[in-house]
Amino acid sequence: MKKTTLAAAVSGLAVLGAISVPPVARAYNKNLVSNVKYRTSPHYTPEGGRLGTFIVRPSFTLMQTYDDNIFREPDADHDAITVARPEVRINSDWGLHGIEAGAQGSLGRYADFSSENYDDFAFYVSGQYDLDYETYIKALAKYEKKHQERDQLEDPGGDEPTEYNVKTVFVGFARELNILRVNVSATHRDYTFDDSSVGATIIDNSTRDRAQDEFDVRLAYGISDNYEA
């Protein structure tokens, strides 16, 4: 199954207050028209370690969770889950262009119901080619191995969580200079599901395999560095 989405969005954002200087006299500040939740701050970003002209940023997170209904059923079974999440990111520190690669893992272990254990991971590589100031092409390739959560409607209810793979390819163009700002991107994803089982019965999940294509176009007119339409 293929799903194609064409989105042309017109949005207005107001941040901080009125601007009295004409827009052509001011440089476009992306931080002022972006959600503060997603802004990066050099004061809180880990510095990482250097490997030539690259910066390596490893991290490790350990979480302990208690779930009073792990199967999402009327007869509730509870358990404690330990989740380890290692990650490493390597990105270039060049003045022009850029490349980044990374690996992520999410390893879940249940104290009592070991059949629910999972080992999720992902690998990706992305790059940016600068055509001009604030004008660039970006590309990304990513592979993910994931499992389906029990509270999802698509869960077939097998003895073990259903595993599936996602392959993603992304290509985008952006020009975020002065008044007219353009973002165009295309994303292709391939979903492949493993079979499940209930006792000796095999559940065929191949009918859920699919490819999904998404195309997005965003045009914005910068009224000022605080406002865009």
N, C-alpha and C. Protein backbone atom coordinates (compact mmCIF):
# COMPACT_ATOMS: atom_id res chain seq x y z
N MET A 1 0.85 -1.19 0.00
CA MET A 1 0.00 0.00 0.00
C MET A 1 0.88 1.23 0.00
N LYS A 2 0.50 2.24 -0.80
CA LYS A 2 1.26 3.48 -0.81
C LYS A 2 0.37 4.62 -0.41
N LYS A 3 0.93 5.52 0.34
CA LYS A 3 0.19 6.69 0.80
C LYS A 3 0.98 7.91 0.39
N THR A 4 0.34 8.83 -0.35
CA THR A 4 1.02 10.02 -0.82
C THR A 4 0.34 11.24 -0.24
N THR A 5 1.14 12.10 0.36
CA THR A 5 0.60 13.31 1.00
C THR A 5 1.28 14.52 0.40
N LEU A 6 0.49 15.51 -0.07
CA LEU A 6 1.03 16.76 -0.59
C LEU A 6 0.49 17.87 0.29
N ALA A 7 1.42 18.50 1.02
CA ALA A 7 1.00 19.52 1.98
C ALA A 7 1.62 20.84 1.60
N ALA A 8 0.79 21.87 1.42
CA ALA A 8 1.26 23.23 1.22
C ALA A 8 0.72 24.04 2.38
N ALA A 9 1.61 24.42 3.30
CA ALA A 9 1.16 25.00 4.56
C ALA A 9 1.42 26.49 4.57
N VAL A 10 0.47 27.24 5.10
CA VAL A 10 0.63 28.67 5.33
C VAL A 10 0.43 28.90 6.82
N SER A 11 1.47 29.40 7.50
CA SER A 11 1.37 29.56 8.95
C SER A 11 1.84 30.93 9.36
N GLY A 12 1.32 31.42 10.46
CA GLY A 12 1.75 32.68 11.04
C GLY A 12 2.20 32.47 12.46
N LEU A 13 3.37 33.00 12.78
CA LEU A 13 3.91 32.84 14.13
C LEU A 13 4.23 34.23 14.67
N ALA A 14 3.83 34.49 15.93
CA ALA A 14 4.12 35.76 16.57
C ALA A 14 4.94 35.49 17.82
N VAL A 15 6.12 36.12 17.92
CA VAL A 15 7.01 35.88 19.04
C VAL A 15 7.57 37.20 19.54
N LEU A 16 7.50 37.40 20.85
CA LEU A 16 8.20 38.44 21.57
C LEU A 16 7.58 39.84 21.48
N GLY A 17 7.04 40.28 20.36
CA GLY A 17 6.49 41.61 20.33
C GLY A 17 6.58 42.25 18.97
N ALA A 18 6.27 43.55 18.90
CA ALA A 18 6.22 44.25 17.62
C ALA A 18 7.61 44.59 17.14
N ILE A 19 7.77 44.69 15.82
CA ILE A 19 9.04 45.04 15.18
C ILE A 19 8.82 46.30 14.36
N SER A 20 9.63 47.30 14.58
CA SER A 20 9.46 48.58 13.88
C SER A 20 10.43 48.74 12.72
N VAL A 21 11.43 47.86 12.60
CA VAL A 21 12.41 47.97 11.53
C VAL A 21 11.89 47.23 10.31
N PRO A 22 12.00 47.78 9.09
CA PRO A 22 11.53 47.08 7.89
C PRO A 22 12.20 45.73 7.75
N PRO A 23 11.50 44.72 7.19
CA PRO A 23 12.05 43.37 7.12
C PRO A 23 13.31 43.27 6.29
N VAL A 24 13.46 44.09 5.24
CA VAL A 24 14.64 43.99 4.39
C VAL A 24 15.89 44.47 5.12
N ALA A 25 15.71 45.18 6.23
CA ALA A 25 16.86 45.73 6.94
C ALA A 25 17.36 44.80 8.02
N ARG A 26 16.65 43.68 8.25
CA ARG A 26 17.02 42.79 9.33
C ARG A 26 17.29 41.40 8.78
N ALA A 27 18.21 40.70 9.41
CA ALA A 27 18.51 39.33 9.02
C ALA A 27 17.46 38.39 9.61
N TYR A 28 17.18 37.34 8.90
CA TYR A 28 16.19 36.36 9.35
C TYR A 28 16.78 35.51 10.48
N ASN A 29 16.10 35.51 11.62
CA ASN A 29 16.54 34.74 12.77
C ASN A 29 15.60 33.55 12.95
N LYS A 30 16.05 32.34 12.58
CA LYS A 30 15.18 31.17 12.63
C LYS A 30 14.72 30.86 14.04
N ASN A 31 15.50 31.21 15.06
CA ASN A 31 15.11 30.92 16.43
C ASN A 31 13.84 31.64 16.85
N LEU A 32 13.58 32.79 16.21
CA LEU A 32 12.44 33.60 16.61
C LEU A 32 11.14 33.09 15.99
N VAL A 33 11.21 32.22 15.00
CA VAL A 33 10.01 31.68 14.38
C VAL A 33 9.98 30.17 14.52
N SER A 34 10.65 29.64 15.56
CA SER A 34 10.63 28.21 15.82
C SER A 34 10.19 27.97 17.26
N ASN A 35 9.66 26.79 17.50
CA ASN A 35 9.20 26.43 18.83
C ASN A 35 10.39 26.38 19.78
N VAL A 36 10.26 27.03 20.93
CA VAL A 36 11.37 27.09 21.87
C VAL A 36 11.77 25.69 22.35
N LYS A 37 10.83 24.75 22.29
CA LYS A 37 11.13 23.38 22.72
C LYS A 37 12.22 22.75 21.87
N TYR A 38 12.32 23.16 20.59
CA TYR A 38 13.26 22.52 19.67
C TYR A 38 14.49 23.36 19.39
N ARG A 39 14.64 24.48 20.05
CA ARG A 39 15.83 25.30 19.84
C ARG A 39 17.02 24.69 20.57
N THR A 40 18.16 24.76 19.95
CA THR A 40 19.38 24.27 20.59
C THR A 40 20.05 25.39 21.35
N SER A 41 20.62 25.06 22.50
CA SER A 41 21.32 26.04 23.31
C SER A 41 22.76 25.56 23.53
N PRO A 42 23.75 26.36 23.16
CA PRO A 42 25.14 25.94 23.35
C PRO A 42 25.50 25.75 24.82
N HIS A 43 24.72 26.33 25.73
CA HIS A 43 25.02 26.21 27.16
C HIS A 43 24.66 24.85 27.72
N TYR A 44 23.74 24.14 27.06
CA TYR A 44 23.29 22.85 27.58
C TYR A 44 23.60 21.69 26.63
N THR A 45 24.24 21.97 25.50
CA THR A 45 24.59 20.92 24.55
C THR A 45 25.92 20.29 24.94
N PRO A 46 25.98 18.95 25.11
CA PRO A 46 27.26 18.31 25.45
C PRO A 46 28.31 18.59 24.38
N GLU A 47 29.53 18.86 24.83
CA GLU A 47 30.59 19.20 23.89
C GLU A 47 31.07 17.98 23.11
N GLY A 48 31.08 16.80 23.73
CA GLY A 48 31.54 15.61 23.04
C GLY A 48 33.06 15.58 22.94
N GLY A 49 33.56 14.56 22.26
CA GLY A 49 34.99 14.41 22.07
C GLY A 49 35.34 14.53 20.60
N ARG A 50 36.54 14.99 20.32
CA ARG A 50 36.96 15.21 18.94
C ARG A 50 37.65 13.98 18.37
N LEU A 51 37.35 13.72 17.09
CA LEU A 51 38.01 12.68 16.33
C LEU A 51 38.37 13.29 14.98
N GLY A 52 39.50 13.99 14.95
CA GLY A 52 39.87 14.75 13.77
C GLY A 52 38.94 15.93 13.60
N THR A 53 38.30 16.00 12.43
CA THR A 53 37.35 17.08 12.17
C THR A 53 35.92 16.67 12.51
N PHE A 54 35.77 15.59 13.27
CA PHE A 54 34.45 15.12 13.68
C PHE A 54 34.30 15.23 15.20
N ILE A 55 33.05 15.33 15.65
CA ILE A 55 32.73 15.38 17.07
C ILE A 55 31.90 14.15 17.41
N VAL A 56 32.30 13.43 18.44
CA VAL A 56 31.62 12.21 18.87
C VAL A 56 30.86 12.50 20.17
N ARG A 57 29.58 12.17 20.17
CA ARG A 57 28.74 12.40 21.36
C ARG A 57 28.06 11.09 21.77
N PRO A 58 28.64 10.36 22.70
CA PRO A 58 27.98 9.15 23.21
C PRO A 58 27.07 9.49 24.38
N SER A 59 26.06 8.65 24.59
CA SER A 59 25.17 8.84 25.75
C SER A 59 24.60 7.49 26.15
N PHE A 60 24.14 7.44 27.40
CA PHE A 60 23.53 6.20 27.91
C PHE A 60 22.47 6.58 28.93
N THR A 61 21.27 6.02 28.74
CA THR A 61 20.15 6.28 29.63
C THR A 61 19.63 4.95 30.17
N LEU A 62 19.40 4.90 31.48
CA LEU A 62 18.85 3.70 32.12
C LEU A 62 17.56 4.08 32.83
N MET A 63 16.47 3.39 32.51
CA MET A 63 15.17 3.72 33.07
C MET A 63 14.55 2.49 33.74
N GLN A 64 13.82 2.73 34.80
CA GLN A 64 13.08 1.67 35.49
C GLN A 64 11.61 2.06 35.51
N THR A 65 10.76 1.17 35.02
CA THR A 65 9.33 1.47 34.90
C THR A 65 8.51 0.34 35.52
N TYR A 66 7.40 0.72 36.16
CA TYR A 66 6.44 -0.25 36.66
C TYR A 66 5.14 -0.08 35.88
N ASP A 67 4.64 -1.18 35.31
CA ASP A 67 3.41 -1.16 34.51
C ASP A 67 2.42 -2.12 35.14
N ASP A 68 1.22 -1.62 35.49
CA ASP A 68 0.25 -2.47 36.18
C ASP A 68 -0.65 -3.25 35.22
N ASN A 69 -0.44 -3.11 33.91
CA ASN A 69 -1.22 -3.88 32.93
C ASN A 69 -0.42 -3.97 31.63
N ILE A 70 0.56 -4.85 31.59
CA ILE A 70 1.50 -4.86 30.47
C ILE A 70 0.87 -5.38 29.18
N PHE A 71 -0.18 -6.20 29.26
CA PHE A 71 -0.82 -6.74 28.06
C PHE A 71 -2.06 -5.96 27.63
N ARG A 72 -2.43 -4.95 28.39
CA ARG A 72 -3.59 -4.12 28.09
C ARG A 72 -4.85 -4.97 27.96
N GLU A 73 -5.08 -5.84 28.93
CA GLU A 73 -6.22 -6.74 28.93
C GLU A 73 -6.99 -6.61 30.24
N PRO A 74 -8.27 -7.08 30.30
CA PRO A 74 -9.05 -6.98 31.55
C PRO A 74 -8.39 -7.70 32.71
N ASP A 75 -7.79 -8.88 32.45
CA ASP A 75 -7.06 -9.59 33.50
C ASP A 75 -5.64 -9.02 33.56
N ALA A 76 -5.46 -8.05 34.41
CA ALA A 76 -4.22 -7.27 34.40
C ALA A 76 -3.04 -8.06 34.95
N ASP A 77 -1.93 -8.03 34.20
CA ASP A 77 -0.65 -8.56 34.66
C ASP A 77 0.31 -7.39 34.81
N HIS A 78 0.97 -7.33 35.94
CA HIS A 78 1.89 -6.21 36.19
C HIS A 78 3.33 -6.71 36.15
N ASP A 79 4.24 -5.76 35.92
CA ASP A 79 5.66 -6.13 35.86
C ASP A 79 6.50 -4.87 35.96
N ALA A 80 7.78 -5.08 36.28
CA ALA A 80 8.76 -4.00 36.29
C ALA A 80 9.67 -4.17 35.08
N ILE A 81 9.90 -3.07 34.38
CA ILE A 81 10.68 -3.11 33.14
C ILE A 81 11.92 -2.24 33.28
N THR A 82 13.06 -2.79 32.92
CA THR A 82 14.31 -2.05 32.87
C THR A 82 14.67 -1.79 31.41
N VAL A 83 14.90 -0.54 31.07
CA VAL A 83 15.20 -0.16 29.69
C VAL A 83 16.54 0.55 29.66
N ALA A 84 17.45 0.04 28.83
CA ALA A 84 18.76 0.67 28.60
C ALA A 84 18.76 1.26 27.21
N ARG A 85 19.20 2.52 27.10
CA ARG A 85 19.22 3.22 25.81
C ARG A 85 20.59 3.81 25.53
N PRO A 86 21.47 3.05 24.89
CA PRO A 86 22.76 3.60 24.47
C PRO A 86 22.60 4.34 23.14
N GLU A 87 23.45 5.32 22.94
CA GLU A 87 23.41 6.09 21.70
C GLU A 87 24.77 6.72 21.45
N VAL A 88 25.13 6.84 20.18
CA VAL A 88 26.35 7.55 19.79
C VAL A 88 26.06 8.31 18.51
N ARG A 89 26.49 9.56 18.47
CA ARG A 89 26.34 10.40 17.29
C ARG A 89 27.70 10.96 16.90
N ILE A 90 27.98 10.93 15.62
CA ILE A 90 29.23 11.48 15.09
C ILE A 90 28.87 12.48 14.00
N ASN A 91 29.27 13.72 14.17
CA ASN A 91 28.97 14.72 13.16
C ASN A 91 30.20 15.55 12.84
N SER A 92 30.26 16.04 11.62
CA SER A 92 31.41 16.82 11.17
C SER A 92 31.38 18.21 11.77
N ASP A 93 32.54 18.83 11.85
CA ASP A 93 32.68 20.19 12.36
C ASP A 93 33.34 21.04 11.28
N TRP A 94 32.69 21.09 10.12
CA TRP A 94 33.22 21.81 8.98
C TRP A 94 32.54 23.18 8.87
N GLY A 95 33.21 24.08 8.21
CA GLY A 95 32.61 25.39 7.97
C GLY A 95 31.57 25.36 6.87
N LEU A 96 31.69 24.37 5.97
CA LEU A 96 30.78 24.25 4.83
C LEU A 96 30.39 22.79 4.68
N HIS A 97 29.13 22.55 4.36
CA HIS A 97 28.59 21.20 4.23
C HIS A 97 28.63 20.47 5.59
N GLY A 98 28.14 19.27 5.63
CA GLY A 98 28.15 18.53 6.89
C GLY A 98 27.67 17.10 6.69
N ILE A 99 28.08 16.24 7.59
CA ILE A 99 27.67 14.85 7.57
C ILE A 99 27.53 14.36 9.01
N GLU A 100 26.57 13.49 9.25
CA GLU A 100 26.34 12.95 10.59
C GLU A 100 25.94 11.48 10.48
N ALA A 101 26.39 10.69 11.41
CA ALA A 101 26.02 9.27 11.49
C ALA A 101 25.76 8.93 12.94
N GLY A 102 24.94 7.93 13.16
CA GLY A 102 24.63 7.58 14.54
C GLY A 102 24.03 6.20 14.66
N ALA A 103 24.04 5.71 15.89
CA ALA A 103 23.43 4.42 16.23
C ALA A 103 22.71 4.58 17.55
N GLN A 104 21.52 3.99 17.65
CA GLN A 104 20.70 4.09 18.85
C GLN A 104 20.17 2.71 19.21
N GLY A 105 19.99 2.47 20.48
CA GLY A 105 19.44 1.21 20.94
C GLY A 105 18.44 1.42 22.05
N SER A 106 17.48 0.51 22.17
CA SER A 106 16.53 0.52 23.27
C SER A 106 16.29 -0.94 23.65
N LEU A 107 16.85 -1.35 24.77
CA LEU A 107 16.83 -2.74 25.20
C LEU A 107 15.96 -2.87 26.43
N GLY A 108 14.83 -3.55 26.30
CA GLY A 108 13.88 -3.68 27.40
C GLY A 108 13.89 -5.07 28.00
N ARG A 109 13.93 -5.12 29.33
CA ARG A 109 13.94 -6.39 30.05
C ARG A 109 12.85 -6.37 31.12
N TYR A 110 11.95 -7.39 31.07
CA TYR A 110 10.87 -7.52 32.03
C TYR A 110 11.30 -8.45 33.16
N ALA A 111 10.94 -8.11 34.37
CA ALA A 111 11.36 -8.89 35.54
C ALA A 111 10.72 -10.27 35.56
N ASP A 112 9.44 -10.36 35.23
CA ASP A 112 8.71 -11.63 35.29
C ASP A 112 8.36 -12.19 33.92
N PHE A 113 7.85 -11.36 33.02
CA PHE A 113 7.40 -11.82 31.71
C PHE A 113 8.50 -11.60 30.68
N SER A 114 9.46 -12.52 30.67
CA SER A 114 10.61 -12.37 29.78
C SER A 114 10.22 -12.47 28.30
N SER A 115 9.04 -13.02 28.00
CA SER A 115 8.60 -13.10 26.61
C SER A 115 8.36 -11.72 26.01
N GLU A 116 8.21 -10.70 26.87
CA GLU A 116 7.98 -9.34 26.39
C GLU A 116 9.27 -8.56 26.17
N ASN A 117 10.42 -9.19 26.46
CA ASN A 117 11.71 -8.50 26.24
C ASN A 117 11.85 -8.08 24.79
N TYR A 118 12.54 -6.97 24.57
CA TYR A 118 12.75 -6.49 23.20
C TYR A 118 14.13 -5.86 23.07
N ASP A 119 14.62 -5.88 21.83
CA ASP A 119 15.91 -5.27 21.48
C ASP A 119 15.70 -4.42 20.24
N ASP A 120 15.41 -3.16 20.41
CA ASP A 120 15.23 -2.23 19.30
C ASP A 120 16.55 -1.51 19.02
N PHE A 121 16.79 -1.18 17.76
CA PHE A 121 17.99 -0.41 17.43
C PHE A 121 17.77 0.32 16.11
N ALA A 122 18.64 1.28 15.84
CA ALA A 122 18.55 2.07 14.62
C ALA A 122 19.94 2.56 14.22
N PHE A 123 20.15 2.66 12.91
CA PHE A 123 21.37 3.24 12.35
C PHE A 123 20.96 4.29 11.32
N TYR A 124 21.70 5.36 11.26
CA TYR A 124 21.38 6.38 10.26
C TYR A 124 22.63 7.13 9.82
N VAL A 125 22.55 7.72 8.64
CA VAL A 125 23.59 8.62 8.15
C VAL A 125 22.88 9.74 7.39
N SER A 126 23.30 10.96 7.62
CA SER A 126 22.67 12.11 6.96
C SER A 126 23.75 13.08 6.51
N GLY A 127 23.41 13.91 5.56
CA GLY A 127 24.37 14.88 5.04
C GLY A 127 23.68 16.14 4.58
N GLN A 128 24.45 17.21 4.54
CA GLN A 128 23.94 18.50 4.05
C GLN A 128 24.95 19.10 3.10
N TYR A 129 24.46 19.50 1.93
CA TYR A 129 25.31 20.14 0.93
C TYR A 129 24.86 21.58 0.78
N ASP A 130 25.74 22.51 1.13
CA ASP A 130 25.39 23.94 1.10
C ASP A 130 25.58 24.49 -0.30
N LEU A 131 24.48 25.01 -0.86
CA LEU A 131 24.53 25.64 -2.17
C LEU A 131 24.86 27.12 -2.08
N ASP A 132 24.39 27.75 -1.01
CA ASP A 132 24.60 29.17 -0.78
C ASP A 132 24.29 29.43 0.68
N TYR A 133 24.35 30.68 1.11
CA TYR A 133 24.04 31.01 2.49
C TYR A 133 22.58 30.68 2.77
N GLU A 134 22.32 29.82 3.77
CA GLU A 134 20.99 29.39 4.16
C GLU A 134 20.23 28.73 3.00
N THR A 135 20.97 28.15 2.06
CA THR A 135 20.37 27.40 0.96
C THR A 135 21.11 26.08 0.85
N TYR A 136 20.40 24.97 1.03
CA TYR A 136 21.10 23.71 1.10
C TYR A 136 20.19 22.54 0.72
N ILE A 137 20.82 21.40 0.44
CA ILE A 137 20.14 20.14 0.18
C ILE A 137 20.51 19.18 1.31
N LYS A 138 19.52 18.49 1.85
CA LYS A 138 19.75 17.52 2.91
C LYS A 138 19.29 16.14 2.46
N ALA A 139 19.98 15.11 2.95
CA ALA A 139 19.60 13.74 2.64
C ALA A 139 19.83 12.87 3.88
N LEU A 140 19.02 11.82 4.02
CA LEU A 140 19.14 10.93 5.17
C LEU A 140 18.74 9.52 4.76
N ALA A 141 19.49 8.55 5.27
CA ALA A 141 19.13 7.14 5.12
C ALA A 141 19.15 6.52 6.52
N LYS A 142 18.09 5.75 6.86
CA LYS A 142 17.96 5.22 8.21
C LYS A 142 17.35 3.82 8.18
N TYR A 143 17.87 2.97 9.05
CA TYR A 143 17.31 1.63 9.22
C TYR A 143 16.94 1.45 10.69
N GLU A 144 15.70 0.97 10.94
CA GLU A 144 15.23 0.78 12.30
C GLU A 144 14.65 -0.63 12.47
N LYS A 145 14.98 -1.25 13.57
CA LYS A 145 14.32 -2.49 14.00
C LYS A 145 13.52 -2.15 15.25
N LYS A 146 12.20 -2.36 15.21
CA LYS A 146 11.33 -1.93 16.29
C LYS A 146 10.38 -3.05 16.67
N HIS A 147 9.64 -2.83 17.76
CA HIS A 147 8.61 -3.78 18.15
C HIS A 147 7.30 -3.02 18.37
N GLN A 148 6.20 -3.75 18.22
CA GLN A 148 4.90 -3.12 18.35
C GLN A 148 4.46 -3.17 19.81
N GLU A 149 4.05 -2.00 20.31
CA GLU A 149 3.58 -1.93 21.69
C GLU A 149 2.22 -2.62 21.83
N ARG A 150 1.97 -3.15 23.03
CA ARG A 150 0.74 -3.89 23.28
C ARG A 150 -0.50 -3.01 23.23
N ASP A 151 -0.36 -1.71 23.43
CA ASP A 151 -1.53 -0.84 23.43
C ASP A 151 -1.87 -0.30 22.04
N GLN A 152 -1.17 -0.75 21.00
CA GLN A 152 -1.48 -0.33 19.65
C GLN A 152 -2.59 -1.22 19.07
N LEU A 153 -3.50 -0.62 18.33
CA LEU A 153 -4.64 -1.35 17.78
C LEU A 153 -4.19 -2.43 16.79
N GLU A 154 -3.05 -2.22 16.13
CA GLU A 154 -2.59 -3.17 15.13
C GLU A 154 -1.89 -4.39 15.73
N ASP A 155 -1.69 -4.41 17.04
CA ASP A 155 -1.01 -5.54 17.68
C ASP A 155 -1.83 -6.82 17.47
N PRO A 156 -1.26 -7.86 16.84
CA PRO A 156 -2.02 -9.08 16.57
C PRO A 156 -2.23 -9.95 17.80
N GLY A 157 -1.61 -9.63 18.94
CA GLY A 157 -1.82 -10.39 20.16
C GLY A 157 -1.05 -11.69 20.21
N GLY A 158 0.16 -11.71 19.66
CA GLY A 158 0.98 -12.90 19.68
C GLY A 158 1.59 -13.17 21.04
N ASP A 159 2.23 -14.33 21.15
CA ASP A 159 2.87 -14.69 22.42
C ASP A 159 4.02 -13.75 22.75
N GLU A 160 4.64 -13.18 21.73
CA GLU A 160 5.73 -12.22 21.90
C GLU A 160 5.43 -10.96 21.10
N PRO A 161 6.03 -9.84 21.45
CA PRO A 161 5.79 -8.61 20.68
C PRO A 161 6.16 -8.79 19.21
N THR A 162 5.36 -8.22 18.34
CA THR A 162 5.63 -8.28 16.90
C THR A 162 6.77 -7.34 16.54
N GLU A 163 7.76 -7.86 15.82
CA GLU A 163 8.90 -7.05 15.40
C GLU A 163 8.73 -6.64 13.95
N TYR A 164 9.25 -5.48 13.63
CA TYR A 164 9.19 -5.01 12.24
C TYR A 164 10.38 -4.09 11.96
N ASN A 165 10.67 -3.91 10.67
CA ASN A 165 11.79 -3.08 10.23
C ASN A 165 11.26 -1.90 9.42
N VAL A 166 11.93 -0.78 9.55
CA VAL A 166 11.58 0.41 8.78
C VAL A 166 12.84 0.94 8.10
N LYS A 167 12.78 1.08 6.78
CA LYS A 167 13.87 1.69 6.01
C LYS A 167 13.39 3.03 5.50
N THR A 168 14.15 4.07 5.79
CA THR A 168 13.75 5.43 5.45
C THR A 168 14.80 6.11 4.59
N VAL A 169 14.35 6.79 3.53
CA VAL A 169 15.21 7.63 2.70
C VAL A 169 14.54 8.99 2.59
N PHE A 170 15.29 10.04 2.89
CA PHE A 170 14.75 11.40 2.90
C PHE A 170 15.66 12.31 2.06
N VAL A 171 15.05 13.17 1.25
CA VAL A 171 15.79 14.19 0.49
C VAL A 171 15.01 15.49 0.61
N GLY A 172 15.69 16.57 0.92
CA GLY A 172 15.01 17.85 1.07
C GLY A 172 15.84 19.02 0.59
N PHE A 173 15.15 20.07 0.20
CA PHE A 173 15.78 21.33 -0.21
C PHE A 173 15.21 22.45 0.63
N ALA A 174 16.07 23.35 1.07
CA ALA A 174 15.62 24.47 1.90
C ALA A 174 16.34 25.75 1.48
N ARG A 175 15.57 26.82 1.44
CA ARG A 175 16.14 28.16 1.25
C ARG A 175 15.48 29.06 2.28
N GLU A 176 16.25 29.48 3.26
CA GLU A 176 15.71 30.22 4.40
C GLU A 176 16.39 31.57 4.51
N LEU A 177 16.41 32.29 3.42
CA LEU A 177 17.13 33.55 3.34
C LEU A 177 16.17 34.70 3.08
N ASN A 178 16.33 35.78 3.87
CA ASN A 178 15.58 37.01 3.67
C ASN A 178 14.07 36.79 3.72
N ILE A 179 13.34 37.25 2.70
CA ILE A 179 11.88 37.32 2.80
C ILE A 179 11.22 36.00 2.42
N LEU A 180 11.57 35.42 1.28
CA LEU A 180 10.92 34.21 0.81
C LEU A 180 11.66 32.98 1.30
N ARG A 181 10.95 32.08 1.98
CA ARG A 181 11.55 30.87 2.52
C ARG A 181 10.83 29.65 1.95
N VAL A 182 11.61 28.71 1.46
CA VAL A 182 11.06 27.55 0.77
C VAL A 182 11.64 26.28 1.38
N ASN A 183 10.77 25.31 1.65
CA ASN A 183 11.19 23.98 2.09
C ASN A 183 10.44 22.94 1.27
N VAL A 184 11.17 22.07 0.60
CA VAL A 184 10.58 21.00 -0.20
C VAL A 184 11.27 19.71 0.20
N SER A 185 10.51 18.64 0.44
CA SER A 185 11.11 17.38 0.86
C SER A 185 10.31 16.19 0.35
N ALA A 186 10.99 15.06 0.23
CA ALA A 186 10.36 13.80 -0.16
C ALA A 186 10.91 12.71 0.75
N THR A 187 10.02 11.87 1.28
CA THR A 187 10.41 10.79 2.19
C THR A 187 9.80 9.48 1.72
N HIS A 188 10.63 8.44 1.66
CA HIS A 188 10.16 7.11 1.30
C HIS A 188 10.45 6.16 2.46
N ARG A 189 9.43 5.40 2.88
CA ARG A 189 9.59 4.43 3.97
C ARG A 189 9.09 3.06 3.53
N ASP A 190 9.86 2.04 3.86
CA ASP A 190 9.46 0.65 3.65
C ASP A 190 9.26 -0.03 5.00
N TYR A 191 8.07 -0.62 5.22
CA TYR A 191 7.75 -1.33 6.46
C TYR A 191 7.69 -2.83 6.16
N THR A 192 8.43 -3.62 6.95
CA THR A 192 8.42 -5.07 6.81
C THR A 192 8.17 -5.69 8.18
N PHE A 193 7.11 -6.50 8.30
CA PHE A 193 6.70 -7.08 9.58
C PHE A 193 7.07 -8.56 9.65
N ASP A 194 7.59 -8.99 10.79
CA ASP A 194 7.85 -10.41 11.03
C ASP A 194 6.54 -11.11 11.41
N ASP A 195 6.49 -12.41 11.16
CA ASP A 195 5.32 -13.18 11.56
C ASP A 195 5.26 -13.33 13.08
N SER A 196 4.05 -13.48 13.61
CA SER A 196 3.83 -13.72 15.04
C SER A 196 3.26 -15.12 15.22
N SER A 197 3.14 -15.54 16.47
CA SER A 197 2.57 -16.86 16.74
C SER A 197 1.81 -16.83 18.05
N VAL A 198 0.74 -17.66 18.10
CA VAL A 198 -0.02 -17.92 19.33
C VAL A 198 -0.03 -19.43 19.50
N GLY A 199 0.81 -19.91 20.39
CA GLY A 199 0.99 -21.35 20.51
C GLY A 199 1.61 -21.90 19.23
N ALA A 200 0.95 -22.89 18.62
CA ALA A 200 1.45 -23.47 17.37
C ALA A 200 0.88 -22.77 16.14
N THR A 201 0.03 -21.77 16.34
CA THR A 201 -0.60 -21.06 15.23
C THR A 201 0.27 -19.88 14.79
N ILE A 202 0.59 -19.82 13.50
CA ILE A 202 1.41 -18.74 12.96
C ILE A 202 0.50 -17.63 12.43
N ILE A 203 0.80 -16.40 12.81
CA ILE A 203 0.06 -15.23 12.32
C ILE A 203 0.88 -14.60 11.21
N ASP A 204 0.33 -14.59 9.99
CA ASP A 204 1.02 -14.03 8.83
C ASP A 204 0.86 -12.52 8.82
N ASN A 205 1.96 -11.81 9.04
CA ASN A 205 1.91 -10.34 9.06
C ASN A 205 2.41 -9.72 7.76
N SER A 206 2.67 -10.57 6.74
CA SER A 206 3.21 -10.02 5.49
C SER A 206 2.21 -9.11 4.79
N THR A 207 0.92 -9.28 5.09
CA THR A 207 -0.09 -8.40 4.48
C THR A 207 0.01 -6.97 4.99
N ARG A 208 0.77 -6.78 6.06
CA ARG A 208 0.94 -5.44 6.61
C ARG A 208 2.16 -4.73 6.04
N ASP A 209 2.97 -5.46 5.28
CA ASP A 209 4.14 -4.83 4.65
C ASP A 209 3.66 -3.75 3.68
N ARG A 210 4.36 -2.65 3.66
CA ARG A 210 3.90 -1.54 2.82
C ARG A 210 5.04 -0.57 2.55
N ALA A 211 4.83 0.24 1.53
CA ALA A 211 5.72 1.37 1.23
C ALA A 211 4.91 2.65 1.35
N GLN A 212 5.53 3.67 1.89
CA GLN A 212 4.82 4.94 2.10
C GLN A 212 5.69 6.08 1.59
N ASP A 213 5.10 6.91 0.74
CA ASP A 213 5.80 8.07 0.19
C ASP A 213 5.12 9.35 0.68
N GLU A 214 5.92 10.30 1.10
CA GLU A 214 5.40 11.59 1.56
C GLU A 214 6.14 12.72 0.85
N PHE A 215 5.37 13.68 0.35
CA PHE A 215 5.93 14.85 -0.29
C PHE A 215 5.41 16.09 0.42
N ASP A 216 6.29 16.97 0.80
CA ASP A 216 5.90 18.16 1.56
C ASP A 216 6.48 19.41 0.91
N VAL A 217 5.66 20.44 0.84
CA VAL A 217 6.08 21.75 0.34
C VAL A 217 5.65 22.80 1.35
N ARG A 218 6.58 23.67 1.72
CA ARG A 218 6.26 24.76 2.65
C ARG A 218 6.82 26.05 2.09
N LEU A 219 5.94 27.03 1.91
CA LEU A 219 6.33 28.35 1.44
C LEU A 219 6.00 29.36 2.52
N ALA A 220 6.93 30.25 2.82
CA ALA A 220 6.69 31.26 3.85
C ALA A 220 7.21 32.61 3.37
N TYR A 221 6.46 33.64 3.71
CA TYR A 221 6.87 35.01 3.40
C TYR A 221 7.22 35.69 4.72
N GLY A 222 8.46 36.15 4.85
CA GLY A 222 8.91 36.76 6.08
C GLY A 222 8.50 38.22 6.18
N ILE A 223 7.50 38.46 6.99
CA ILE A 223 7.07 39.84 7.21
C ILE A 223 8.14 40.59 8.02
N SER A 224 8.69 39.90 9.01
CA SER A 224 9.83 40.41 9.77
C SER A 224 10.51 39.20 10.37
N ASP A 225 11.54 39.40 11.20
CA ASP A 225 12.18 38.24 11.80
C ASP A 225 11.35 37.66 12.93
N ASN A 226 10.25 38.30 13.29
CA ASN A 226 9.34 37.77 14.30
C ASN A 226 8.05 37.19 13.70
N TYR A 227 7.78 37.50 12.42
CA TYR A 227 6.52 37.10 11.83
C TYR A 227 6.77 36.51 10.43
N GLU A 228 6.00 35.47 10.12
CA GLU A 228 6.02 34.96 8.74
C GLU A 228 4.63 34.42 8.41
N ALA A 229 4.31 34.48 7.11
CA ALA A 229 3.00 34.00 6.64
C ALA A 229 3.23 32.83 5.70
